[in-house]
Amino acid sequence: KDPKHEIQKVMKFMGRNLDETVLDRIVQETSFEKMKENPMTNRSTVP
């Protein structure tokens, strides 16, 4: 529902402070659509 808000919570919990530009990039790169096409995350390398 609100990935940016939840990612901010994770960031704070981890003791990290990233700027808005980096945060927006993380939101974009961890979207379901992006990850589904990413061979590093979609398990396409598994036989």
All heavy atoms as atom14 arrays in JSON, in Angstrom:
{
  "sequence": "KDPKHEIQKVMKFMGRNLDETVLDRIVQETSFEKMKENPMTNRSTVP",
  "atom14_mask": [
    [1, 1, 1, 1, 1, 1, 1, 1, 1, 0, 0, 0, 0, 0],
    [1, 1, 1, 1, 1, 1, 1, 1, 0, 0, 0, 0, 0, 0],
    [1, 1, 1, 1, 1, 1, 1, 0, 0, 0, 0, 0, 0, 0],
    [1, 1, 1, 1, 1, 1, 1, 1, 1, 0, 0, 0, 0, 0],
    [1, 1, 1, 1, 1, 1, 1, 1, 1, 1, 0, 0, 0, 0],
    [1, 1, 1, 1, 1, 1, 1, 1, 1, 0, 0, 0, 0, 0],
    [1, 1, 1, 1, 1, 1, 1, 1, 0, 0, 0, 0, 0, 0],
    [1, 1, 1, 1, 1, 1, 1, 1, 1, 0, 0, 0, 0, 0],
    [1, 1, 1, 1, 1, 1, 1, 1, 1, 0, 0, 0, 0, 0],
    [1, 1, 1, 1, 1, 1, 1, 0, 0, 0, 0, 0, 0, 0],
    [1, 1, 1, 1, 1, 1, 1, 1, 0, 0, 0, 0, 0, 0],
    [1, 1, 1, 1, 1, 1, 1, 1, 1, 0, 0, 0, 0, 0],
    [1, 1, 1, 1, 1, 1, 1, 1, 1, 1, 1, 0, 0, 0],
    [1, 1, 1, 1, 1, 1, 1, 1, 0, 0, 0, 0, 0, 0],
    [1, 1, 1, 1, 0, 0, 0, 0, 0, 0, 0, 0, 0, 0],
    [1, 1, 1, 1, 1, 1, 1, 1, 1, 1, 1, 0, 0, 0],
    [1, 1, 1, 1, 1, 1, 1, 1, 0, 0, 0, 0, 0, 0],
    [1, 1, 1, 1, 1, 1, 1, 1, 0, 0, 0, 0, 0, 0],
    [1, 1, 1, 1, 1, 1, 1, 1, 0, 0, 0, 0, 0, 0],
    [1, 1, 1, 1, 1, 1, 1, 1, 1, 0, 0, 0, 0, 0],
    [1, 1, 1, 1, 1, 1, 1, 0, 0, 0, 0, 0, 0, 0],
    [1, 1, 1, 1, 1, 1, 1, 0, 0, 0, 0, 0, 0, 0],
    [1, 1, 1, 1, 1, 1, 1, 1, 0, 0, 0, 0, 0, 0],
    [1, 1, 1, 1, 1, 1, 1, 1, 0, 0, 0, 0, 0, 0],
    [1, 1, 1, 1, 1, 1, 1, 1, 1, 1, 1, 0, 0, 0],
    [1, 1, 1, 1, 1, 1, 1, 1, 0, 0, 0, 0, 0, 0],
    [1, 1, 1, 1, 1, 1, 1, 0, 0, 0, 0, 0, 0, 0],
    [1, 1, 1, 1, 1, 1, 1, 1, 1, 0, 0, 0, 0, 0],
    [1, 1, 1, 1, 1, 1, 1, 1, 1, 0, 0, 0, 0, 0],
    [1, 1, 1, 1, 1, 1, 1, 0, 0, 0, 0, 0, 0, 0],
    [1, 1, 1, 1, 1, 1, 0, 0, 0, 0, 0, 0, 0, 0],
    [1, 1, 1, 1, 1, 1, 1, 1, 1, 1, 1, 0, 0, 0],
    [1, 1, 1, 1, 1, 1, 1, 1, 1, 0, 0, 0, 0, 0],
    [1, 1, 1, 1, 1, 1, 1, 1, 1, 0, 0, 0, 0, 0],
    [1, 1, 1, 1, 1, 1, 1, 1, 0, 0, 0, 0, 0, 0],
    [1, 1, 1, 1, 1, 1, 1, 1, 1, 0, 0, 0, 0, 0],
    [1, 1, 1, 1, 1, 1, 1, 1, 1, 0, 0, 0, 0, 0],
    [1, 1, 1, 1, 1, 1, 1, 1, 0, 0, 0, 0, 0, 0],
    [1, 1, 1, 1, 1, 1, 1, 0, 0, 0, 0, 0, 0, 0],
    [1, 1, 1, 1, 1, 1, 1, 1, 0, 0, 0, 0, 0, 0],
    [1, 1, 1, 1, 1, 1, 1, 0, 0, 0, 0, 0, 0, 0],
    [1, 1, 1, 1, 1, 1, 1, 1, 0, 0, 0, 0, 0, 0],
    [1, 1, 1, 1, 1, 1, 1, 1, 1, 1, 1, 0, 0, 0],
    [1, 1, 1, 1, 1, 1, 0, 0, 0, 0, 0, 0, 0, 0],
    [1, 1, 1, 1, 1, 1, 1, 0, 0, 0, 0, 0, 0, 0],
    [1, 1, 1, 1, 1, 1, 1, 0, 0, 0, 0, 0, 0, 0],
    [1, 1, 1, 1, 1, 1, 1, 0, 0, 0, 0, 0, 0, 0]
  ],
  "atom14_positions": [
    [[0.82, -1.22, 0.0], [0.0, 0.0, 0.0], [0.86, 1.27, 0.0], [0.56, 2.22, -0.71], [-0.92, -0.03, 1.24], [-1.97, 1.06, 1.27], [-3.07, 0.74, 2.29], [-2.5, 0.38, 3.65], [-3.58, 0.07, 4.64], [0.0, 0.0, 0.0], [0.0, 0.0, 0.0], [0.0, 0.0, 0.0], [0.0, 0.0, 0.0], [0.0, 0.0, 0.0]],
    [[1.91, 1.28, 0.81], [2.73, 2.48, 0.95], [4.2, 2.07, 1.13], [4.76, 2.15, 2.22], [2.26, 3.32, 2.14], [2.9, 4.7, 2.2], [3.85, 4.95, 1.42], [2.46, 5.53, 3.03], [0.0, 0.0, 0.0], [0.0, 0.0, 0.0], [0.0, 0.0, 0.0], [0.0, 0.0, 0.0], [0.0, 0.0, 0.0], [0.0, 0.0, 0.0]],
    [[4.84, 1.61, 0.04], [6.2, 1.09, 0.16], [7.2, 2.09, 0.73], [8.05, 1.73, 1.53], [6.56, 0.66, -1.27], [5.58, 1.35, -2.15], [4.34, 1.53, -1.35], [0.0, 0.0, 0.0], [0.0, 0.0, 0.0], [0.0, 0.0, 0.0], [0.0, 0.0, 0.0], [0.0, 0.0, 0.0], [0.0, 0.0, 0.0], [0.0, 0.0, 0.0]],
    [[7.08, 3.34, 0.35], [8.04, 4.35, 0.82], [8.0, 4.48, 2.34], [9.04, 4.51, 3.01], [7.77, 5.7, 0.15], [8.84, 6.73, 0.46], [8.64, 7.98, -0.4], [9.75, 8.98, -0.17], [9.61, 10.17, -1.06], [0.0, 0.0, 0.0], [0.0, 0.0, 0.0], [0.0, 0.0, 0.0], [0.0, 0.0, 0.0], [0.0, 0.0, 0.0]],
    [[6.81, 4.55, 2.89], [6.65, 4.68, 4.34], [7.24, 3.48, 5.08], [7.93, 3.62, 6.1], [5.17, 4.85, 4.68], [4.9, 5.03, 6.15], [4.43, 4.0, 6.94], [5.09, 6.09, 6.96], [4.31, 4.43, 8.18], [4.7, 5.69, 8.24], [0.0, 0.0, 0.0], [0.0, 0.0, 0.0], [0.0, 0.0, 0.0], [0.0, 0.0, 0.0]],
    [[6.97, 2.27, 4.57], [7.45, 1.06, 5.23], [8.97, 0.9, 5.08], [9.65, 0.45, 6.0], [6.74, -0.18, 4.67], [5.23, -0.18, 4.89], [4.84, -0.01, 6.35], [5.23, -0.86, 7.17], [4.14, 0.98, 6.67], [0.0, 0.0, 0.0], [0.0, 0.0, 0.0], [0.0, 0.0, 0.0], [0.0, 0.0, 0.0], [0.0, 0.0, 0.0]],
    [[9.5, 1.3, 3.92], [10.95, 1.24, 3.72], [11.65, 2.23, 4.65], [12.73, 1.94, 5.18], [11.31, 1.49, 2.23], [10.85, 0.29, 1.38], [12.81, 1.72, 2.05], [10.94, 0.52, -0.13], [0.0, 0.0, 0.0], [0.0, 0.0, 0.0], [0.0, 0.0, 0.0], [0.0, 0.0, 0.0], [0.0, 0.0, 0.0], [0.0, 0.0, 0.0]],
    [[11.04, 3.36, 4.89], [11.59, 4.34, 5.83], [11.67, 3.73, 7.24], [12.64, 3.96, 7.97], [10.73, 5.6, 5.86], [10.99, 6.53, 4.68], [10.05, 7.73, 4.67], [8.84, 7.59, 4.87], [10.61, 8.91, 4.43], [0.0, 0.0, 0.0], [0.0, 0.0, 0.0], [0.0, 0.0, 0.0], [0.0, 0.0, 0.0], [0.0, 0.0, 0.0]],
    [[10.65, 2.96, 7.61], [10.66, 2.3, 8.92], [11.81, 1.31, 9.02], [12.49, 1.22, 10.05], [9.32, 1.59, 9.18], [8.17, 2.52, 9.46], [7.02, 1.86, 10.2], [6.26, 0.88, 9.41], [4.99, 0.46, 10.03], [0.0, 0.0, 0.0], [0.0, 0.0, 0.0], [0.0, 0.0, 0.0], [0.0, 0.0, 0.0], [0.0, 0.0, 0.0]],
    [[12.02, 0.55, 7.95], [13.12, -0.43, 7.93], [14.46, 0.29, 8.03], [15.35, -0.11, 8.8], [13.07, -1.29, 6.64], [14.29, -2.22, 6.57], [11.78, -2.11, 6.58], [0.0, 0.0, 0.0], [0.0, 0.0, 0.0], [0.0, 0.0, 0.0], [0.0, 0.0, 0.0], [0.0, 0.0, 0.0], [0.0, 0.0, 0.0], [0.0, 0.0, 0.0]],
    [[14.59, 1.36, 7.28], [15.82, 2.15, 7.27], [16.14, 2.68, 8.68], [17.27, 2.55, 9.16], [15.65, 3.31, 6.29], [16.9, 4.07, 5.96], [16.57, 5.27, 4.62], [15.5, 6.43, 5.49], [0.0, 0.0, 0.0], [0.0, 0.0, 0.0], [0.0, 0.0, 0.0], [0.0, 0.0, 0.0], [0.0, 0.0, 0.0], [0.0, 0.0, 0.0]],
    [[15.14, 3.22, 9.34], [15.32, 3.74, 10.7], [15.69, 2.62, 11.67], [16.57, 2.77, 12.52], [14.03, 4.44, 11.15], [14.14, 5.12, 12.5], [12.83, 5.81, 12.87], [12.93, 6.44, 14.26], [11.65, 7.05, 14.68], [0.0, 0.0, 0.0], [0.0, 0.0, 0.0], [0.0, 0.0, 0.0], [0.0, 0.0, 0.0], [0.0, 0.0, 0.0]],
    [[15.02, 1.47, 11.53], [15.28, 0.32, 12.39], [16.72, -0.16, 12.23], [17.35, -0.6, 13.19], [14.3, -0.81, 12.02], [14.41, -2.04, 12.88], [14.02, -2.02, 14.22], [14.87, -3.24, 12.35], [14.11, -3.16, 15.01], [14.95, -4.38, 13.14], [14.56, -4.34, 14.47], [0.0, 0.0, 0.0], [0.0, 0.0, 0.0], [0.0, 0.0, 0.0]],
    [[17.24, -0.07, 11.01], [18.62, -0.48, 10.72], [19.64, 0.58, 11.12], [20.85, 0.36, 10.98], [18.76, -0.82, 9.24], [17.98, -2.05, 8.8], [17.97, -2.28, 6.98], [19.73, -2.56, 6.66], [0.0, 0.0, 0.0], [0.0, 0.0, 0.0], [0.0, 0.0, 0.0], [0.0, 0.0, 0.0], [0.0, 0.0, 0.0], [0.0, 0.0, 0.0]],
    [[19.17, 1.73, 11.58], [20.08, 2.8, 11.99], [20.7, 3.53, 10.82], [21.78, 4.11, 10.94], [0.0, 0.0, 0.0], [0.0, 0.0, 0.0], [0.0, 0.0, 0.0], [0.0, 0.0, 0.0], [0.0, 0.0, 0.0], [0.0, 0.0, 0.0], [0.0, 0.0, 0.0], [0.0, 0.0, 0.0], [0.0, 0.0, 0.0], [0.0, 0.0, 0.0]],
    [[20.02, 3.52, 9.68], [20.55, 4.18, 8.47], [19.75, 5.45, 8.18], [18.57, 5.56, 8.5], [20.47, 3.23, 7.27], [21.17, 1.92, 7.47], [22.67, 2.09, 7.71], [23.36, 2.54, 6.53], [23.89, 1.72, 5.62], [23.79, 0.39, 5.78], [24.52, 2.18, 4.57], [0.0, 0.0, 0.0], [0.0, 0.0, 0.0], [0.0, 0.0, 0.0]],
    [[20.41, 6.41, 7.53], [19.76, 7.66, 7.16], [20.13, 7.98, 5.72], [21.21, 8.51, 5.45], [20.2, 8.78, 8.11], [19.46, 10.08, 7.85], [18.37, 10.07, 7.28], [20.06, 11.2, 8.23], [0.0, 0.0, 0.0], [0.0, 0.0, 0.0], [0.0, 0.0, 0.0], [0.0, 0.0, 0.0], [0.0, 0.0, 0.0], [0.0, 0.0, 0.0]],
    [[19.25, 7.64, 4.81], [19.51, 7.85, 3.38], [18.67, 9.01, 2.87], [17.53, 9.22, 3.32], [19.2, 6.58, 2.6], [19.92, 5.3, 3.06], [19.47, 4.1, 2.24], [21.44, 5.47, 2.97], [0.0, 0.0, 0.0], [0.0, 0.0, 0.0], [0.0, 0.0, 0.0], [0.0, 0.0, 0.0], [0.0, 0.0, 0.0], [0.0, 0.0, 0.0]],
    [[19.2, 9.76, 1.91], [18.46, 10.92, 1.42], [17.28, 10.5, 0.55], [17.13, 9.35, 0.15], [19.37, 11.91, 0.71], [20.0, 11.35, -0.57], [19.31, 10.61, -1.3], [21.18, 11.64, -0.82], [0.0, 0.0, 0.0], [0.0, 0.0, 0.0], [0.0, 0.0, 0.0], [0.0, 0.0, 0.0], [0.0, 0.0, 0.0], [0.0, 0.0, 0.0]],
    [[16.45, 11.47, 0.26], [15.19, 11.23, -0.46], [15.4, 10.6, -1.84], [14.65, 9.73, -2.26], [14.45, 12.56, -0.61], [12.97, 12.42, -0.91], [12.15, 12.04, 0.31], [12.69, 12.03, 1.42], [10.96, 11.71, 0.14], [0.0, 0.0, 0.0], [0.0, 0.0, 0.0], [0.0, 0.0, 0.0], [0.0, 0.0, 0.0], [0.0, 0.0, 0.0]],
    [[16.44, 11.02, -2.53], [16.72, 10.48, -3.87], [17.03, 8.99, -3.79], [16.53, 8.21, -4.61], [17.93, 11.22, -4.5], [17.69, 12.62, -4.48], [18.14, 10.76, -5.93], [0.0, 0.0, 0.0], [0.0, 0.0, 0.0], [0.0, 0.0, 0.0], [0.0, 0.0, 0.0], [0.0, 0.0, 0.0], [0.0, 0.0, 0.0], [0.0, 0.0, 0.0]],
    [[17.84, 8.61, -2.82], [18.2, 7.19, -2.64], [16.96, 6.4, -2.23], [16.73, 5.29, -2.73], [19.32, 7.04, -1.58], [19.58, 5.57, -1.29], [20.6, 7.72, -2.07], [0.0, 0.0, 0.0], [0.0, 0.0, 0.0], [0.0, 0.0, 0.0], [0.0, 0.0, 0.0], [0.0, 0.0, 0.0], [0.0, 0.0, 0.0], [0.0, 0.0, 0.0]],
    [[16.17, 6.96, -1.33], [14.95, 6.29, -0.88], [14.01, 6.03, -2.05], [13.46, 4.92, -2.2], [14.26, 7.15, 0.19], [12.99, 6.59, 0.81], [13.24, 5.26, 1.51], [12.4, 7.6, 1.8], [0.0, 0.0, 0.0], [0.0, 0.0, 0.0], [0.0, 0.0, 0.0], [0.0, 0.0, 0.0], [0.0, 0.0, 0.0], [0.0, 0.0, 0.0]],
    [[13.83, 7.04, -2.91], [12.95, 6.88, -4.08], [13.48, 5.8, -5.02], [12.71, 5.04, -5.62], [12.82, 8.21, -4.83], [11.96, 9.22, -4.06], [11.17, 8.79, -3.19], [12.09, 10.43, -4.32], [0.0, 0.0, 0.0], [0.0, 0.0, 0.0], [0.0, 0.0, 0.0], [0.0, 0.0, 0.0], [0.0, 0.0, 0.0], [0.0, 0.0, 0.0]],
    [[14.82, 5.72, -5.15], [15.42, 4.69, -6.01], [15.14, 3.3, -5.44], [14.83, 2.36, -6.17], [16.92, 4.92, -6.14], [17.58, 3.98, -7.17], [19.09, 4.14, -7.19], [19.47, 5.54, -7.26], [20.39, 6.11, -6.49], [21.05, 5.38, -5.6], [20.67, 7.39, -6.61], [0.0, 0.0, 0.0], [0.0, 0.0, 0.0], [0.0, 0.0, 0.0]],
    [[15.25, 3.16, -4.12], [14.99, 1.87, -3.48], [13.54, 1.46, -3.69], [13.24, 0.31, -4.0], [15.34, 1.93, -1.97], [16.85, 2.1, -1.79], [14.87, 0.66, -1.25], [17.29, 2.35, -0.36], [0.0, 0.0, 0.0], [0.0, 0.0, 0.0], [0.0, 0.0, 0.0], [0.0, 0.0, 0.0], [0.0, 0.0, 0.0], [0.0, 0.0, 0.0]],
    [[12.62, 2.4, -3.55], [11.19, 2.12, -3.78], [10.99, 1.62, -5.2], [10.3, 0.61, -5.44], [10.33, 3.39, -3.53], [8.89, 3.15, -3.98], [10.37, 3.78, -2.05], [0.0, 0.0, 0.0], [0.0, 0.0, 0.0], [0.0, 0.0, 0.0], [0.0, 0.0, 0.0], [0.0, 0.0, 0.0], [0.0, 0.0, 0.0], [0.0, 0.0, 0.0]],
    [[11.62, 2.29, -6.16], [11.47, 1.92, -7.58], [12.09, 0.55, -7.87], [11.48, -0.3, -8.52], [12.14, 2.98, -8.45], [12.02, 2.71, -9.94], [12.76, 3.75, -10.78], [13.25, 4.74, -10.25], [12.84, 3.52, -12.07], [0.0, 0.0, 0.0], [0.0, 0.0, 0.0], [0.0, 0.0, 0.0], [0.0, 0.0, 0.0], [0.0, 0.0, 0.0]],
    [[13.3, 0.32, -7.37], [14.02, -0.91, -7.69], [13.47, -2.14, -6.98], [13.73, -3.26, -7.4], [15.51, -0.75, -7.35], [16.26, 0.25, -8.21], [16.3, -0.14, -9.68], [16.34, -1.36, -9.98], [16.29, 0.77, -10.53], [0.0, 0.0, 0.0], [0.0, 0.0, 0.0], [0.0, 0.0, 0.0], [0.0, 0.0, 0.0], [0.0, 0.0, 0.0]],
    [[12.72, -1.94, -5.9], [12.15, -3.08, -5.17], [10.67, -3.27, -5.45], [9.98, -3.99, -4.74], [12.38, -2.94, -3.65], [11.79, -1.72, -3.18], [13.86, -2.95, -3.31], [0.0, 0.0, 0.0], [0.0, 0.0, 0.0], [0.0, 0.0, 0.0], [0.0, 0.0, 0.0], [0.0, 0.0, 0.0], [0.0, 0.0, 0.0], [0.0, 0.0, 0.0]],
    [[10.16, -2.63, -6.5], [8.76, -2.86, -6.88], [8.61, -4.29, -7.4], [9.58, -4.89, -7.89], [8.33, -1.87, -7.97], [8.99, -2.16, -9.2], [0.0, 0.0, 0.0], [0.0, 0.0, 0.0], [0.0, 0.0, 0.0], [0.0, 0.0, 0.0], [0.0, 0.0, 0.0], [0.0, 0.0, 0.0], [0.0, 0.0, 0.0], [0.0, 0.0, 0.0]],
    [[7.43, -4.84, -7.28], [7.19, -6.21, -7.73], [7.54, -6.36, -9.21], [8.16, -7.35, -9.62], [5.72, -6.6, -7.49], [5.4, -8.01, -7.91], [5.64, -9.08, -7.06], [4.87, -8.28, -9.16], [5.37, -10.38, -7.44], [4.6, -9.58, -9.56], [4.84, -10.63, -8.69], [0.0, 0.0, 0.0], [0.0, 0.0, 0.0], [0.0, 0.0, 0.0]],
    [[7.15, -5.37, -10.0], [7.37, -5.43, -11.44], [8.87, -5.5, -11.77], [9.3, -6.3, -12.61], [6.73, -4.21, -12.12], [5.21, -4.17, -12.05], [4.67, -3.88, -10.65], [5.37, -3.23, -9.86], [3.53, -4.32, -10.36], [0.0, 0.0, 0.0], [0.0, 0.0, 0.0], [0.0, 0.0, 0.0], [0.0, 0.0, 0.0], [0.0, 0.0, 0.0]],
    [[9.65, -4.67, -11.09], [11.1, -4.65, -11.31], [11.73, -5.97, -10.89], [12.56, -6.55, -11.6], [11.73, -3.5, -10.51], [11.74, -2.17, -11.22], [13.02, -2.03, -12.06], [13.16, -0.6, -12.57], [14.41, -0.43, -13.33], [0.0, 0.0, 0.0], [0.0, 0.0, 0.0], [0.0, 0.0, 0.0], [0.0, 0.0, 0.0], [0.0, 0.0, 0.0]],
    [[11.33, -6.47, -9.72], [11.95, -7.67, -9.18], [11.56, -8.91, -9.98], [12.32, -9.86, -10.1], [11.58, -7.84, -7.71], [12.3, -6.83, -6.82], [11.87, -7.02, -5.08], [12.5, -8.66, -4.73], [0.0, 0.0, 0.0], [0.0, 0.0, 0.0], [0.0, 0.0, 0.0], [0.0, 0.0, 0.0], [0.0, 0.0, 0.0], [0.0, 0.0, 0.0]],
    [[10.37, -8.89, -10.55], [9.92, -10.03, -11.36], [10.76, -10.18, -12.62], [10.96, -11.28, -13.13], [8.44, -9.88, -11.72], [7.84, -11.13, -12.35], [6.32, -11.07, -12.43], [5.77, -12.39, -12.95], [4.29, -12.41, -12.96], [0.0, 0.0, 0.0], [0.0, 0.0, 0.0], [0.0, 0.0, 0.0], [0.0, 0.0, 0.0], [0.0, 0.0, 0.0]],
    [[11.28, -9.06, -13.12], [12.11, -9.08, -14.33], [13.61, -9.19, -14.02], [14.42, -9.36, -14.92], [11.86, -7.8, -15.15], [10.42, -7.65, -15.65], [9.95, -8.84, -16.46], [10.73, -9.32, -17.31], [8.81, -9.29, -16.23], [0.0, 0.0, 0.0], [0.0, 0.0, 0.0], [0.0, 0.0, 0.0], [0.0, 0.0, 0.0], [0.0, 0.0, 0.0]],
    [[13.97, -9.12, -12.75], [15.37, -9.11, -12.35], [15.88, -10.54, -12.1], [15.43, -11.22, -11.18], [15.51, -8.28, -11.06], [16.95, -8.16, -10.58], [17.86, -8.76, -11.13], [17.13, -7.39, -9.51], [0.0, 0.0, 0.0], [0.0, 0.0, 0.0], [0.0, 0.0, 0.0], [0.0, 0.0, 0.0], [0.0, 0.0, 0.0], [0.0, 0.0, 0.0]],
    [[16.82, -11.03, -12.91], [17.31, -12.41, -12.74], [18.01, -12.64, -11.4], [18.2, -13.77, -10.98], [18.28, -12.59, -13.91], [18.64, -11.22, -14.34], [17.46, -10.35, -14.04], [0.0, 0.0, 0.0], [0.0, 0.0, 0.0], [0.0, 0.0, 0.0], [0.0, 0.0, 0.0], [0.0, 0.0, 0.0], [0.0, 0.0, 0.0], [0.0, 0.0, 0.0]],
    [[18.38, -11.55, -10.71], [19.02, -11.68, -9.39], [17.99, -11.99, -8.31], [18.33, -12.38, -7.2], [19.76, -10.4, -9.02], [20.95, -10.06, -9.9], [22.31, -11.26, -9.76], [22.18, -12.1, -11.33], [0.0, 0.0, 0.0], [0.0, 0.0, 0.0], [0.0, 0.0, 0.0], [0.0, 0.0, 0.0], [0.0, 0.0, 0.0], [0.0, 0.0, 0.0]],
    [[16.69, -11.78, -8.62], [15.65, -11.99, -7.61], [14.54, -12.96, -8.04], [13.81, -13.47, -7.19], [14.97, -10.65, -7.22], [14.44, -10.02, -8.4], [15.95, -9.72, -6.55], [0.0, 0.0, 0.0], [0.0, 0.0, 0.0], [0.0, 0.0, 0.0], [0.0, 0.0, 0.0], [0.0, 0.0, 0.0], [0.0, 0.0, 0.0], [0.0, 0.0, 0.0]],
    [[14.39, -13.23, -9.34], [13.22, -14.0, -9.79], [13.44, -15.51, -9.9], [12.58, -16.24, -10.36], [12.7, -13.45, -11.13], [13.7, -13.63, -12.27], [14.67, -14.39, -12.16], [13.46, -12.93, -13.37], [0.0, 0.0, 0.0], [0.0, 0.0, 0.0], [0.0, 0.0, 0.0], [0.0, 0.0, 0.0], [0.0, 0.0, 0.0], [0.0, 0.0, 0.0]],
    [[14.6, -16.0, -9.47], [14.92, -17.43, -9.48], [14.94, -18.05, -10.86], [14.81, -19.27, -11.01], [13.92, -18.2, -8.61], [14.36, -18.41, -7.18], [14.57, -17.12, -6.45], [14.84, -17.35, -5.03], [14.93, -16.4, -4.15], [14.77, -15.16, -4.48], [15.19, -16.67, -2.89], [0.0, 0.0, 0.0], [0.0, 0.0, 0.0], [0.0, 0.0, 0.0]],
    [[15.12, -17.23, -11.9], [15.15, -17.77, -13.26], [16.36, -18.64, -13.52], [16.4, -19.41, -14.48], [15.09, -16.62, -14.28], [16.18, -15.74, -14.09], [0.0, 0.0, 0.0], [0.0, 0.0, 0.0], [0.0, 0.0, 0.0], [0.0, 0.0, 0.0], [0.0, 0.0, 0.0], [0.0, 0.0, 0.0], [0.0, 0.0, 0.0], [0.0, 0.0, 0.0]],
    [[17.39, -18.53, -12.66], [18.6, -19.34, -12.84], [18.46, -20.75, -12.26], [19.32, -21.6, -12.45], [19.81, -18.66, -12.18], [19.56, -18.54, -10.77], [20.07, -17.29, -12.77], [0.0, 0.0, 0.0], [0.0, 0.0, 0.0], [0.0, 0.0, 0.0], [0.0, 0.0, 0.0], [0.0, 0.0, 0.0], [0.0, 0.0, 0.0], [0.0, 0.0, 0.0]],
    [[17.37, -20.99, -11.52], [17.19, -22.3, -10.89], [16.7, -23.29, -11.93], [15.76, -23.02, -12.68], [16.16, -22.23, -9.73], [16.06, -23.57, -9.02], [16.56, -21.15, -8.75], [0.0, 0.0, 0.0], [0.0, 0.0, 0.0], [0.0, 0.0, 0.0], [0.0, 0.0, 0.0], [0.0, 0.0, 0.0], [0.0, 0.0, 0.0], [0.0, 0.0, 0.0]],
    [[17.31, -24.48, -12.03], [16.88, -25.46, -13.03], [15.43, -25.9, -12.85], [14.91, -25.92, -11.73], [17.85, -26.63, -12.83], [18.55, -26.4, -11.54], [18.44, -24.95, -11.22], [0.0, 0.0, 0.0], [0.0, 0.0, 0.0], [0.0, 0.0, 0.0], [0.0, 0.0, 0.0], [0.0, 0.0, 0.0], [0.0, 0.0, 0.0], [0.0, 0.0, 0.0]]
  ]
}
